[in-house]
Amino acid sequence: MTRYVFRSRRLYYLAAGPGLAEGAVAFYRRNREAFGPFDPIQPEDFFTADGQRERLAWDLAQAEAGRSFRFLLVQPGHPGKVVGLAGLNEIVRGAFQSCFLSYKIDHTLWGRGYGTEAIEAVTAWAFRTLKLHRVEANIMPRNLASRRAAAKAGFIEEGLAKDYLKINGRWEDHLHMVRRNEEEPDESR
């Protein structure tokens, strides 16, 4: 088993890499229909082991460069079965110190708090390990479950971005939700 980077109460967070392609493709195939209304349209090779190997190799290169970090989530009792993903994407340093959060939970686990748990854990890791000031999530207004999970994890709504992302073939509005690092020392004092 690939070693995990960190863990939360019910989940292990594995660093994305090509060796996890089989688990990732099984996860995406199993959830293809459930994620369809909330995801961009993917090419067919995205749902193949080779396509996932290529994507996970890119994710690994991004992590090595410090630009983004993607984690595949597994349960301790089932270490070979990917049940979720969480990412810290488009990390910007300098005066911004922020990134965009992405997350997905296997549809068989919806409504059981796994989304909130994953959001809390990966956000805490971003603050503790990467020393980021803000983690930002953009969520379609009609995705009530995702909005609730982010809110329970301490994210607040900052506004609405019109026609923000092309999802399932059409431009969709997204609510901009943010959590700030409250533990960060204020060096201006």
N, C-alpha and C. Protein backbone atom coordinates (compact mmCIF):
# COMPACT_ATOMS: atom_id res chain seq x y z
N MET A 1 0.84 -1.20 0.00
CA MET A 1 0.00 0.00 0.00
C MET A 1 0.87 1.25 0.00
N THR A 2 0.47 2.25 -0.76
CA THR A 2 1.14 3.53 -0.74
C THR A 2 0.92 4.17 0.62
N ARG A 3 1.95 4.79 1.15
CA ARG A 3 1.83 5.40 2.48
C ARG A 3 1.01 6.68 2.38
N TYR A 4 0.26 6.93 3.44
CA TYR A 4 -0.55 8.13 3.45
C TYR A 4 0.26 9.33 3.96
N VAL A 5 -0.15 10.52 3.56
CA VAL A 5 0.52 11.75 3.95
C VAL A 5 0.00 12.22 5.30
N PHE A 6 -1.31 12.13 5.48
CA PHE A 6 -1.95 12.45 6.75
C PHE A 6 -3.26 11.71 6.81
N ARG A 7 -3.93 11.82 7.94
CA ARG A 7 -5.21 11.13 8.07
C ARG A 7 -6.17 11.97 8.88
N SER A 8 -7.45 11.68 8.70
CA SER A 8 -8.50 12.26 9.54
C SER A 8 -9.15 11.09 10.27
N ARG A 9 -10.24 11.34 10.91
CA ARG A 9 -10.87 10.29 11.72
C ARG A 9 -11.16 9.02 10.93
N ARG A 10 -11.73 9.16 9.70
CA ARG A 10 -12.15 7.98 8.93
C ARG A 10 -11.45 7.82 7.60
N LEU A 11 -10.50 8.69 7.28
CA LEU A 11 -9.88 8.67 5.96
C LEU A 11 -8.37 8.80 6.03
N TYR A 12 -7.69 8.14 5.07
CA TYR A 12 -6.26 8.33 4.83
C TYR A 12 -6.14 9.15 3.54
N TYR A 13 -5.14 10.02 3.48
CA TYR A 13 -4.93 10.92 2.34
C TYR A 13 -3.61 10.52 1.67
N LEU A 14 -3.71 9.91 0.49
CA LEU A 14 -2.55 9.44 -0.26
C LEU A 14 -2.14 10.50 -1.27
N ALA A 15 -0.84 10.78 -1.35
CA ALA A 15 -0.34 11.72 -2.35
C ALA A 15 -0.56 11.13 -3.74
N ALA A 16 -1.11 11.93 -4.63
CA ALA A 16 -1.37 11.48 -5.99
C ALA A 16 -0.07 11.09 -6.69
N GLY A 17 -0.12 9.99 -7.38
CA GLY A 17 1.01 9.51 -8.17
C GLY A 17 0.54 8.42 -9.11
N PRO A 18 1.29 8.14 -10.17
CA PRO A 18 0.86 7.18 -11.19
C PRO A 18 0.54 5.79 -10.66
N GLY A 19 1.14 5.39 -9.55
CA GLY A 19 0.89 4.07 -8.98
C GLY A 19 -0.52 3.89 -8.46
N LEU A 20 -1.28 4.96 -8.37
CA LEU A 20 -2.65 4.90 -7.86
C LEU A 20 -3.70 4.91 -9.00
N ALA A 21 -3.24 4.73 -10.22
CA ALA A 21 -4.13 4.86 -11.39
C ALA A 21 -5.31 3.88 -11.35
N GLU A 22 -5.07 2.64 -10.98
CA GLU A 22 -6.16 1.65 -10.99
C GLU A 22 -7.26 2.04 -10.00
N GLY A 23 -6.88 2.48 -8.81
CA GLY A 23 -7.87 2.92 -7.83
C GLY A 23 -8.61 4.17 -8.27
N ALA A 24 -7.88 5.09 -8.91
CA ALA A 24 -8.50 6.33 -9.37
C ALA A 24 -9.50 6.05 -10.49
N VAL A 25 -9.14 5.20 -11.46
CA VAL A 25 -10.05 4.94 -12.57
C VAL A 25 -11.29 4.20 -12.07
N ALA A 26 -11.13 3.30 -11.13
CA ALA A 26 -12.31 2.60 -10.57
C ALA A 26 -13.22 3.61 -9.88
N PHE A 27 -12.65 4.54 -9.15
CA PHE A 27 -13.43 5.59 -8.47
C PHE A 27 -14.22 6.42 -9.48
N TYR A 28 -13.54 6.89 -10.53
CA TYR A 28 -14.22 7.73 -11.53
C TYR A 28 -15.28 6.94 -12.30
N ARG A 29 -15.01 5.71 -12.65
CA ARG A 29 -16.02 4.90 -13.35
C ARG A 29 -17.25 4.67 -12.47
N ARG A 30 -17.01 4.35 -11.21
CA ARG A 30 -18.09 4.07 -10.27
C ARG A 30 -18.97 5.30 -10.04
N ASN A 31 -18.40 6.49 -10.14
CA ASN A 31 -19.10 7.73 -9.82
C ASN A 31 -19.41 8.59 -11.04
N ARG A 32 -19.19 8.07 -12.22
CA ARG A 32 -19.34 8.87 -13.44
C ARG A 32 -20.71 9.51 -13.55
N GLU A 33 -21.75 8.74 -13.36
CA GLU A 33 -23.10 9.27 -13.49
C GLU A 33 -23.42 10.26 -12.36
N ALA A 34 -23.02 9.93 -11.15
CA ALA A 34 -23.31 10.80 -10.00
C ALA A 34 -22.60 12.15 -10.11
N PHE A 35 -21.35 12.15 -10.62
CA PHE A 35 -20.59 13.39 -10.74
C PHE A 35 -20.93 14.19 -11.99
N GLY A 36 -21.56 13.56 -12.98
CA GLY A 36 -21.83 14.20 -14.26
C GLY A 36 -22.41 15.60 -14.19
N PRO A 37 -23.45 15.85 -13.39
CA PRO A 37 -24.04 17.19 -13.34
C PRO A 37 -23.13 18.26 -12.74
N PHE A 38 -22.02 17.85 -12.09
CA PHE A 38 -21.17 18.79 -11.37
C PHE A 38 -19.75 18.87 -11.91
N ASP A 39 -19.45 18.15 -12.98
CA ASP A 39 -18.10 18.08 -13.51
C ASP A 39 -18.02 18.57 -14.94
N PRO A 40 -16.83 19.04 -15.34
CA PRO A 40 -16.60 19.29 -16.77
C PRO A 40 -16.71 17.98 -17.54
N ILE A 41 -17.02 18.06 -18.81
CA ILE A 41 -17.06 16.86 -19.65
C ILE A 41 -15.62 16.40 -19.85
N GLN A 42 -15.38 15.12 -19.61
CA GLN A 42 -14.03 14.56 -19.72
C GLN A 42 -13.92 13.71 -20.99
N PRO A 43 -12.73 13.66 -21.60
CA PRO A 43 -12.53 12.76 -22.73
C PRO A 43 -12.59 11.32 -22.24
N GLU A 44 -12.90 10.39 -23.13
CA GLU A 44 -13.05 8.98 -22.75
C GLU A 44 -11.78 8.41 -22.11
N ASP A 45 -10.59 8.88 -22.54
CA ASP A 45 -9.37 8.30 -21.96
C ASP A 45 -9.20 8.68 -20.48
N PHE A 46 -9.94 9.65 -20.00
CA PHE A 46 -9.92 10.01 -18.58
C PHE A 46 -10.39 8.82 -17.73
N PHE A 47 -11.24 8.00 -18.30
CA PHE A 47 -11.83 6.85 -17.59
C PHE A 47 -11.08 5.55 -17.88
N THR A 48 -9.79 5.69 -18.23
CA THR A 48 -8.94 4.52 -18.45
C THR A 48 -7.74 4.59 -17.50
N ALA A 49 -7.12 3.44 -17.25
CA ALA A 49 -5.94 3.41 -16.37
C ALA A 49 -4.81 4.25 -16.96
N ASP A 50 -4.61 4.17 -18.29
CA ASP A 50 -3.54 4.97 -18.90
C ASP A 50 -3.83 6.46 -18.76
N GLY A 51 -5.08 6.85 -18.96
CA GLY A 51 -5.45 8.25 -18.80
C GLY A 51 -5.24 8.74 -17.38
N GLN A 52 -5.59 7.92 -16.41
CA GLN A 52 -5.38 8.30 -15.01
C GLN A 52 -3.90 8.31 -14.65
N ARG A 53 -3.13 7.36 -15.18
CA ARG A 53 -1.69 7.35 -14.92
C ARG A 53 -1.06 8.66 -15.39
N GLU A 54 -1.47 9.10 -16.58
CA GLU A 54 -0.95 10.35 -17.13
C GLU A 54 -1.36 11.54 -16.25
N ARG A 55 -2.61 11.58 -15.85
CA ARG A 55 -3.10 12.67 -14.99
C ARG A 55 -2.40 12.66 -13.63
N LEU A 56 -2.22 11.48 -13.05
CA LEU A 56 -1.58 11.38 -11.74
C LEU A 56 -0.09 11.71 -11.81
N ALA A 57 0.56 11.41 -12.94
CA ALA A 57 1.96 11.81 -13.12
C ALA A 57 2.05 13.33 -13.18
N TRP A 58 1.10 13.95 -13.86
CA TRP A 58 1.06 15.42 -13.91
C TRP A 58 0.83 15.99 -12.52
N ASP A 59 -0.09 15.38 -11.75
CA ASP A 59 -0.35 15.82 -10.38
C ASP A 59 0.92 15.74 -9.53
N LEU A 60 1.67 14.66 -9.68
CA LEU A 60 2.91 14.49 -8.93
C LEU A 60 3.91 15.58 -9.29
N ALA A 61 4.05 15.87 -10.59
CA ALA A 61 4.96 16.94 -11.02
C ALA A 61 4.53 18.29 -10.46
N GLN A 62 3.23 18.55 -10.42
CA GLN A 62 2.72 19.80 -9.86
C GLN A 62 3.06 19.90 -8.37
N ALA A 63 2.92 18.79 -7.64
CA ALA A 63 3.24 18.78 -6.21
C ALA A 63 4.74 19.02 -6.00
N GLU A 64 5.56 18.36 -6.79
CA GLU A 64 7.01 18.54 -6.66
C GLU A 64 7.42 19.99 -6.92
N ALA A 65 6.65 20.70 -7.77
CA ALA A 65 6.92 22.11 -8.06
C ALA A 65 6.23 23.05 -7.07
N GLY A 66 5.41 22.49 -6.17
CA GLY A 66 4.72 23.30 -5.17
C GLY A 66 3.53 24.08 -5.71
N ARG A 67 3.03 23.69 -6.90
CA ARG A 67 1.91 24.42 -7.52
C ARG A 67 0.54 23.90 -7.12
N SER A 68 0.44 22.60 -6.82
CA SER A 68 -0.83 22.02 -6.38
C SER A 68 -0.53 20.68 -5.71
N PHE A 69 -1.46 20.25 -4.87
CA PHE A 69 -1.34 18.97 -4.18
C PHE A 69 -2.69 18.27 -4.28
N ARG A 70 -2.66 17.03 -4.76
CA ARG A 70 -3.89 16.26 -4.89
C ARG A 70 -3.75 14.98 -4.09
N PHE A 71 -4.82 14.65 -3.38
CA PHE A 71 -4.82 13.47 -2.51
C PHE A 71 -5.95 12.54 -2.92
N LEU A 72 -5.67 11.25 -2.93
CA LEU A 72 -6.70 10.24 -3.11
C LEU A 72 -7.05 9.73 -1.72
N LEU A 73 -8.31 9.61 -1.43
CA LEU A 73 -8.79 9.26 -0.10
C LEU A 73 -9.19 7.79 -0.07
N VAL A 74 -8.74 7.11 0.97
CA VAL A 74 -9.12 5.71 1.20
C VAL A 74 -9.53 5.55 2.65
N GLN A 75 -10.31 4.52 2.92
CA GLN A 75 -10.69 4.20 4.29
C GLN A 75 -9.68 3.20 4.84
N PRO A 76 -9.34 3.31 6.14
CA PRO A 76 -8.34 2.41 6.72
C PRO A 76 -8.64 0.93 6.49
N GLY A 77 -9.88 0.51 6.55
CA GLY A 77 -10.24 -0.89 6.36
C GLY A 77 -10.23 -1.35 4.92
N HIS A 78 -10.12 -0.40 3.97
CA HIS A 78 -10.14 -0.72 2.54
C HIS A 78 -9.08 0.12 1.83
N PRO A 79 -7.79 -0.10 2.10
CA PRO A 79 -6.74 0.78 1.60
C PRO A 79 -6.56 0.79 0.08
N GLY A 80 -7.11 -0.18 -0.63
CA GLY A 80 -6.97 -0.21 -2.08
C GLY A 80 -8.12 0.42 -2.83
N LYS A 81 -9.16 0.83 -2.13
CA LYS A 81 -10.35 1.39 -2.78
C LYS A 81 -10.39 2.91 -2.56
N VAL A 82 -10.25 3.65 -3.63
CA VAL A 82 -10.32 5.11 -3.55
C VAL A 82 -11.79 5.51 -3.34
N VAL A 83 -12.06 6.29 -2.30
CA VAL A 83 -13.43 6.73 -2.00
C VAL A 83 -13.58 8.24 -2.07
N GLY A 84 -12.53 8.92 -2.50
CA GLY A 84 -12.63 10.37 -2.62
C GLY A 84 -11.34 10.98 -3.12
N LEU A 85 -11.44 12.25 -3.44
CA LEU A 85 -10.30 13.04 -3.88
C LEU A 85 -10.39 14.40 -3.21
N ALA A 86 -9.24 14.99 -2.94
CA ALA A 86 -9.20 16.36 -2.44
C ALA A 86 -7.95 17.00 -3.03
N GLY A 87 -8.10 18.25 -3.46
CA GLY A 87 -6.96 18.94 -4.07
C GLY A 87 -6.83 20.37 -3.60
N LEU A 88 -5.60 20.81 -3.53
CA LEU A 88 -5.26 22.21 -3.29
C LEU A 88 -4.60 22.67 -4.58
N ASN A 89 -5.35 23.43 -5.37
CA ASN A 89 -4.97 23.73 -6.75
C ASN A 89 -4.60 25.20 -6.94
N GLU A 90 -3.76 25.43 -7.96
CA GLU A 90 -3.39 26.80 -8.36
C GLU A 90 -2.87 27.61 -7.17
N ILE A 91 -1.90 27.06 -6.46
CA ILE A 91 -1.34 27.75 -5.29
C ILE A 91 -0.59 29.00 -5.77
N VAL A 92 -0.94 30.12 -5.17
CA VAL A 92 -0.29 31.39 -5.48
C VAL A 92 0.38 31.88 -4.21
N ARG A 93 1.64 32.18 -4.30
CA ARG A 93 2.40 32.66 -3.14
C ARG A 93 2.46 34.19 -3.15
N GLY A 94 3.50 34.77 -2.65
CA GLY A 94 3.63 36.22 -2.58
C GLY A 94 2.61 36.80 -1.62
N ALA A 95 2.03 37.91 -2.00
CA ALA A 95 1.07 38.59 -1.13
C ALA A 95 -0.27 37.84 -1.04
N PHE A 96 -0.52 36.90 -1.94
CA PHE A 96 -1.82 36.22 -1.99
C PHE A 96 -1.90 35.03 -1.03
N GLN A 97 -0.93 34.10 -1.07
CA GLN A 97 -0.87 32.93 -0.19
C GLN A 97 -2.20 32.18 -0.14
N SER A 98 -2.69 31.78 -1.32
CA SER A 98 -4.01 31.19 -1.42
C SER A 98 -4.01 30.06 -2.44
N CYS A 99 -5.10 29.28 -2.44
CA CYS A 99 -5.28 28.23 -3.43
C CYS A 99 -6.77 27.94 -3.57
N PHE A 100 -7.10 27.12 -4.55
CA PHE A 100 -8.47 26.67 -4.77
C PHE A 100 -8.60 25.22 -4.31
N LEU A 101 -9.65 24.95 -3.58
CA LEU A 101 -9.94 23.62 -3.07
C LEU A 101 -10.84 22.86 -4.04
N SER A 102 -10.55 21.59 -4.24
CA SER A 102 -11.47 20.71 -4.97
C SER A 102 -11.65 19.45 -4.13
N TYR A 103 -12.81 18.83 -4.27
CA TYR A 103 -13.08 17.61 -3.50
C TYR A 103 -14.21 16.83 -4.14
N LYS A 104 -14.15 15.52 -3.94
CA LYS A 104 -15.18 14.60 -4.41
C LYS A 104 -15.24 13.43 -3.42
N ILE A 105 -16.43 12.98 -3.16
CA ILE A 105 -16.62 11.82 -2.29
C ILE A 105 -17.47 10.81 -3.05
N ASP A 106 -17.12 9.54 -2.94
CA ASP A 106 -17.87 8.45 -3.57
C ASP A 106 -19.36 8.61 -3.26
N HIS A 107 -20.19 8.47 -4.27
CA HIS A 107 -21.63 8.69 -4.09
C HIS A 107 -22.26 7.76 -3.05
N THR A 108 -21.63 6.61 -2.81
CA THR A 108 -22.17 5.69 -1.80
C THR A 108 -21.96 6.21 -0.38
N LEU A 109 -21.13 7.24 -0.22
CA LEU A 109 -20.86 7.81 1.10
C LEU A 109 -21.49 9.19 1.31
N TRP A 110 -22.24 9.65 0.32
CA TRP A 110 -22.86 10.98 0.45
C TRP A 110 -23.80 10.99 1.67
N GLY A 111 -23.87 12.16 2.31
CA GLY A 111 -24.78 12.36 3.42
C GLY A 111 -24.28 11.80 4.75
N ARG A 112 -23.01 11.40 4.82
CA ARG A 112 -22.48 10.81 6.05
C ARG A 112 -21.33 11.62 6.67
N GLY A 113 -21.11 12.83 6.17
CA GLY A 113 -20.09 13.70 6.75
C GLY A 113 -18.69 13.53 6.21
N TYR A 114 -18.51 12.66 5.22
CA TYR A 114 -17.17 12.45 4.67
C TYR A 114 -16.67 13.69 3.92
N GLY A 115 -17.56 14.40 3.24
CA GLY A 115 -17.15 15.61 2.53
C GLY A 115 -16.62 16.65 3.50
N THR A 116 -17.36 16.91 4.56
CA THR A 116 -16.93 17.88 5.57
C THR A 116 -15.60 17.44 6.18
N GLU A 117 -15.49 16.17 6.51
CA GLU A 117 -14.25 15.65 7.11
C GLU A 117 -13.06 15.88 6.18
N ALA A 118 -13.23 15.57 4.89
CA ALA A 118 -12.14 15.75 3.93
C ALA A 118 -11.78 17.22 3.76
N ILE A 119 -12.79 18.07 3.66
CA ILE A 119 -12.54 19.51 3.51
C ILE A 119 -11.78 20.05 4.72
N GLU A 120 -12.23 19.69 5.92
CA GLU A 120 -11.55 20.15 7.14
C GLU A 120 -10.10 19.69 7.17
N ALA A 121 -9.87 18.42 6.87
CA ALA A 121 -8.52 17.86 6.97
C ALA A 121 -7.56 18.46 5.95
N VAL A 122 -8.00 18.56 4.70
CA VAL A 122 -7.09 19.07 3.68
C VAL A 122 -6.85 20.58 3.87
N THR A 123 -7.85 21.30 4.36
CA THR A 123 -7.68 22.73 4.64
C THR A 123 -6.71 22.92 5.81
N ALA A 124 -6.85 22.12 6.85
CA ALA A 124 -5.92 22.19 7.98
C ALA A 124 -4.50 21.89 7.52
N TRP A 125 -4.33 20.91 6.63
CA TRP A 125 -3.02 20.58 6.10
C TRP A 125 -2.45 21.75 5.30
N ALA A 126 -3.30 22.43 4.52
CA ALA A 126 -2.86 23.59 3.75
C ALA A 126 -2.36 24.70 4.67
N PHE A 127 -3.06 24.93 5.75
CA PHE A 127 -2.66 25.97 6.70
C PHE A 127 -1.41 25.57 7.47
N ARG A 128 -1.37 24.34 7.95
CA ARG A 128 -0.27 23.87 8.80
C ARG A 128 1.01 23.63 8.00
N THR A 129 0.88 22.95 6.87
CA THR A 129 2.05 22.53 6.12
C THR A 129 2.49 23.55 5.08
N LEU A 130 1.53 24.09 4.35
CA LEU A 130 1.87 25.04 3.29
C LEU A 130 1.88 26.49 3.76
N LYS A 131 1.36 26.72 4.97
CA LYS A 131 1.30 28.06 5.58
C LYS A 131 0.49 29.04 4.71
N LEU A 132 -0.58 28.54 4.08
CA LEU A 132 -1.43 29.41 3.26
C LEU A 132 -2.31 30.28 4.15
N HIS A 133 -2.70 31.42 3.60
CA HIS A 133 -3.58 32.35 4.31
C HIS A 133 -5.06 32.06 4.03
N ARG A 134 -5.36 31.63 2.78
CA ARG A 134 -6.75 31.39 2.38
C ARG A 134 -6.84 30.11 1.56
N VAL A 135 -7.96 29.41 1.72
CA VAL A 135 -8.31 28.31 0.83
C VAL A 135 -9.69 28.68 0.29
N GLU A 136 -9.83 28.64 -1.03
CA GLU A 136 -11.04 29.08 -1.69
C GLU A 136 -11.73 27.90 -2.39
N ALA A 137 -13.04 27.85 -2.28
CA ALA A 137 -13.83 26.82 -2.96
C ALA A 137 -14.91 27.51 -3.79
N ASN A 138 -15.13 27.04 -4.99
CA ASN A 138 -16.18 27.57 -5.86
C ASN A 138 -17.19 26.46 -6.13
N ILE A 139 -18.44 26.71 -5.74
CA ILE A 139 -19.46 25.66 -5.74
C ILE A 139 -20.72 26.17 -6.44
N MET A 140 -21.29 25.34 -7.29
CA MET A 140 -22.54 25.73 -7.96
C MET A 140 -23.63 25.94 -6.91
N PRO A 141 -24.40 27.01 -7.04
CA PRO A 141 -25.46 27.28 -6.05
C PRO A 141 -26.42 26.11 -5.85
N ARG A 142 -26.70 25.34 -6.90
CA ARG A 142 -27.66 24.23 -6.78
C ARG A 142 -27.06 22.99 -6.13
N ASN A 143 -25.75 22.99 -5.89
CA ASN A 143 -25.10 21.85 -5.25
C ASN A 143 -25.16 22.06 -3.73
N LEU A 144 -26.37 21.88 -3.19
CA LEU A 144 -26.62 22.18 -1.78
C LEU A 144 -25.79 21.32 -0.83
N ALA A 145 -25.61 20.06 -1.16
CA ALA A 145 -24.83 19.18 -0.27
C ALA A 145 -23.38 19.66 -0.17
N SER A 146 -22.80 20.05 -1.29
CA SER A 146 -21.42 20.52 -1.29
C SER A 146 -21.31 21.85 -0.54
N ARG A 147 -22.27 22.73 -0.73
CA ARG A 147 -22.27 24.00 0.00
C ARG A 147 -22.36 23.76 1.51
N ARG A 148 -23.23 22.83 1.92
CA ARG A 148 -23.36 22.52 3.36
C ARG A 148 -22.06 21.94 3.91
N ALA A 149 -21.43 21.05 3.16
CA ALA A 149 -20.17 20.44 3.62
C ALA A 149 -19.10 21.52 3.81
N ALA A 150 -18.98 22.43 2.86
CA ALA A 150 -17.98 23.50 2.98
C ALA A 150 -18.31 24.43 4.15
N ALA A 151 -19.58 24.76 4.32
CA ALA A 151 -19.99 25.64 5.43
C ALA A 151 -19.70 24.97 6.77
N LYS A 152 -19.99 23.68 6.89
CA LYS A 152 -19.71 22.96 8.14
C LYS A 152 -18.21 22.92 8.43
N ALA A 153 -17.40 23.00 7.38
CA ALA A 153 -15.94 22.99 7.53
C ALA A 153 -15.39 24.40 7.74
N GLY A 154 -16.27 25.38 7.94
CA GLY A 154 -15.83 26.73 8.27
C GLY A 154 -15.68 27.69 7.11
N PHE A 155 -16.13 27.30 5.91
CA PHE A 155 -16.05 28.20 4.76
C PHE A 155 -17.24 29.15 4.77
N ILE A 156 -16.99 30.40 4.40
CA ILE A 156 -18.05 31.40 4.33
C ILE A 156 -18.20 31.87 2.89
N GLU A 157 -19.42 32.25 2.53
CA GLU A 157 -19.68 32.75 1.17
C GLU A 157 -19.20 34.18 1.03
N GLU A 158 -18.47 34.45 -0.05
CA GLU A 158 -17.99 35.79 -0.32
C GLU A 158 -18.66 36.43 -1.53
N GLY A 159 -19.35 35.64 -2.33
CA GLY A 159 -20.00 36.24 -3.48
C GLY A 159 -20.30 35.21 -4.56
N LEU A 160 -20.94 35.70 -5.62
CA LEU A 160 -21.35 34.86 -6.74
C LEU A 160 -20.55 35.23 -7.98
N ALA A 161 -19.96 34.24 -8.61
CA ALA A 161 -19.25 34.42 -9.87
C ALA A 161 -20.15 33.91 -10.99
N LYS A 162 -20.60 34.80 -11.86
CA LYS A 162 -21.49 34.44 -12.97
C LYS A 162 -20.71 33.70 -14.06
N ASP A 163 -21.35 32.65 -14.62
CA ASP A 163 -20.75 31.89 -15.73
C ASP A 163 -19.28 31.56 -15.46
N TYR A 164 -18.98 31.04 -14.30
CA TYR A 164 -17.61 30.89 -13.81
C TYR A 164 -16.87 29.71 -14.42
N LEU A 165 -17.51 28.52 -14.45
CA LEU A 165 -16.87 27.32 -14.98
C LEU A 165 -17.80 26.60 -15.93
N LYS A 166 -17.21 25.96 -16.94
CA LYS A 166 -18.00 25.17 -17.88
C LYS A 166 -18.16 23.76 -17.32
N ILE A 167 -19.37 23.47 -16.88
CA ILE A 167 -19.69 22.22 -16.22
C ILE A 167 -20.71 21.46 -17.06
N ASN A 168 -20.40 20.20 -17.33
CA ASN A 168 -21.30 19.34 -18.10
C ASN A 168 -21.78 20.03 -19.39
N GLY A 169 -20.85 20.78 -20.01
CA GLY A 169 -21.14 21.38 -21.31
C GLY A 169 -21.76 22.77 -21.29
N ARG A 170 -22.00 23.35 -20.09
CA ARG A 170 -22.56 24.71 -20.07
C ARG A 170 -21.92 25.53 -18.96
N TRP A 171 -21.88 26.85 -19.20
CA TRP A 171 -21.30 27.76 -18.21
C TRP A 171 -22.23 27.85 -17.01
N GLU A 172 -21.65 27.68 -15.83
CA GLU A 172 -22.43 27.67 -14.58
C GLU A 172 -21.93 28.74 -13.62
N ASP A 173 -22.88 29.38 -12.92
CA ASP A 173 -22.55 30.29 -11.83
C ASP A 173 -21.96 29.46 -10.68
N HIS A 174 -21.09 30.09 -9.89
CA HIS A 174 -20.51 29.43 -8.72
C HIS A 174 -20.47 30.40 -7.55
N LEU A 175 -20.79 29.90 -6.37
CA LEU A 175 -20.60 30.66 -5.15
C LEU A 175 -19.14 30.55 -4.74
N HIS A 176 -18.57 31.69 -4.42
CA HIS A 176 -17.18 31.74 -3.97
C HIS A 176 -17.19 31.63 -2.45
N MET A 177 -16.63 30.54 -1.93
CA MET A 177 -16.57 30.31 -0.49
C MET A 177 -15.11 30.27 -0.05
N VAL A 178 -14.84 30.79 1.12
CA VAL A 178 -13.47 30.95 1.58
C VAL A 178 -13.34 30.60 3.05
N ARG A 179 -12.19 30.05 3.38
CA ARG A 179 -11.81 29.91 4.78
C ARG A 179 -10.42 30.52 4.94
N ARG A 180 -10.28 31.39 5.93
CA ARG A 180 -9.00 32.03 6.20
C ARG A 180 -8.29 31.29 7.34
N ASN A 181 -6.99 31.37 7.31
CA ASN A 181 -6.17 30.76 8.34
C ASN A 181 -6.20 31.64 9.58
N GLU A 182 -7.03 31.29 10.54
CA GLU A 182 -7.18 32.08 11.77
C GLU A 182 -6.02 31.86 12.73
N GLU A 183 -5.24 30.82 12.52
CA GLU A 183 -4.10 30.51 13.39
C GLU A 183 -2.84 31.27 12.98
N GLU A 184 -2.88 31.84 11.79
CA GLU A 184 -1.71 32.51 11.24
C GLU A 184 -1.36 33.73 12.09
N PRO A 185 -0.11 33.86 12.52
CA PRO A 185 0.25 35.03 13.31
C PRO A 185 0.20 36.31 12.48
N ASP A 186 -0.28 37.36 13.08
CA ASP A 186 -0.34 38.66 12.41
C ASP A 186 1.00 39.35 12.61
N GLU A 187 1.84 39.33 11.58
CA GLU A 187 3.19 39.89 11.69
C GLU A 187 3.21 41.39 11.56
N SER A 188 2.05 42.01 11.29
CA SER A 188 2.02 43.47 11.15
C SER A 188 1.99 44.17 12.51
N ARG A 189 1.72 43.41 13.58
CA ARG A 189 1.66 44.01 14.92
C ARG A 189 3.01 44.12 15.55
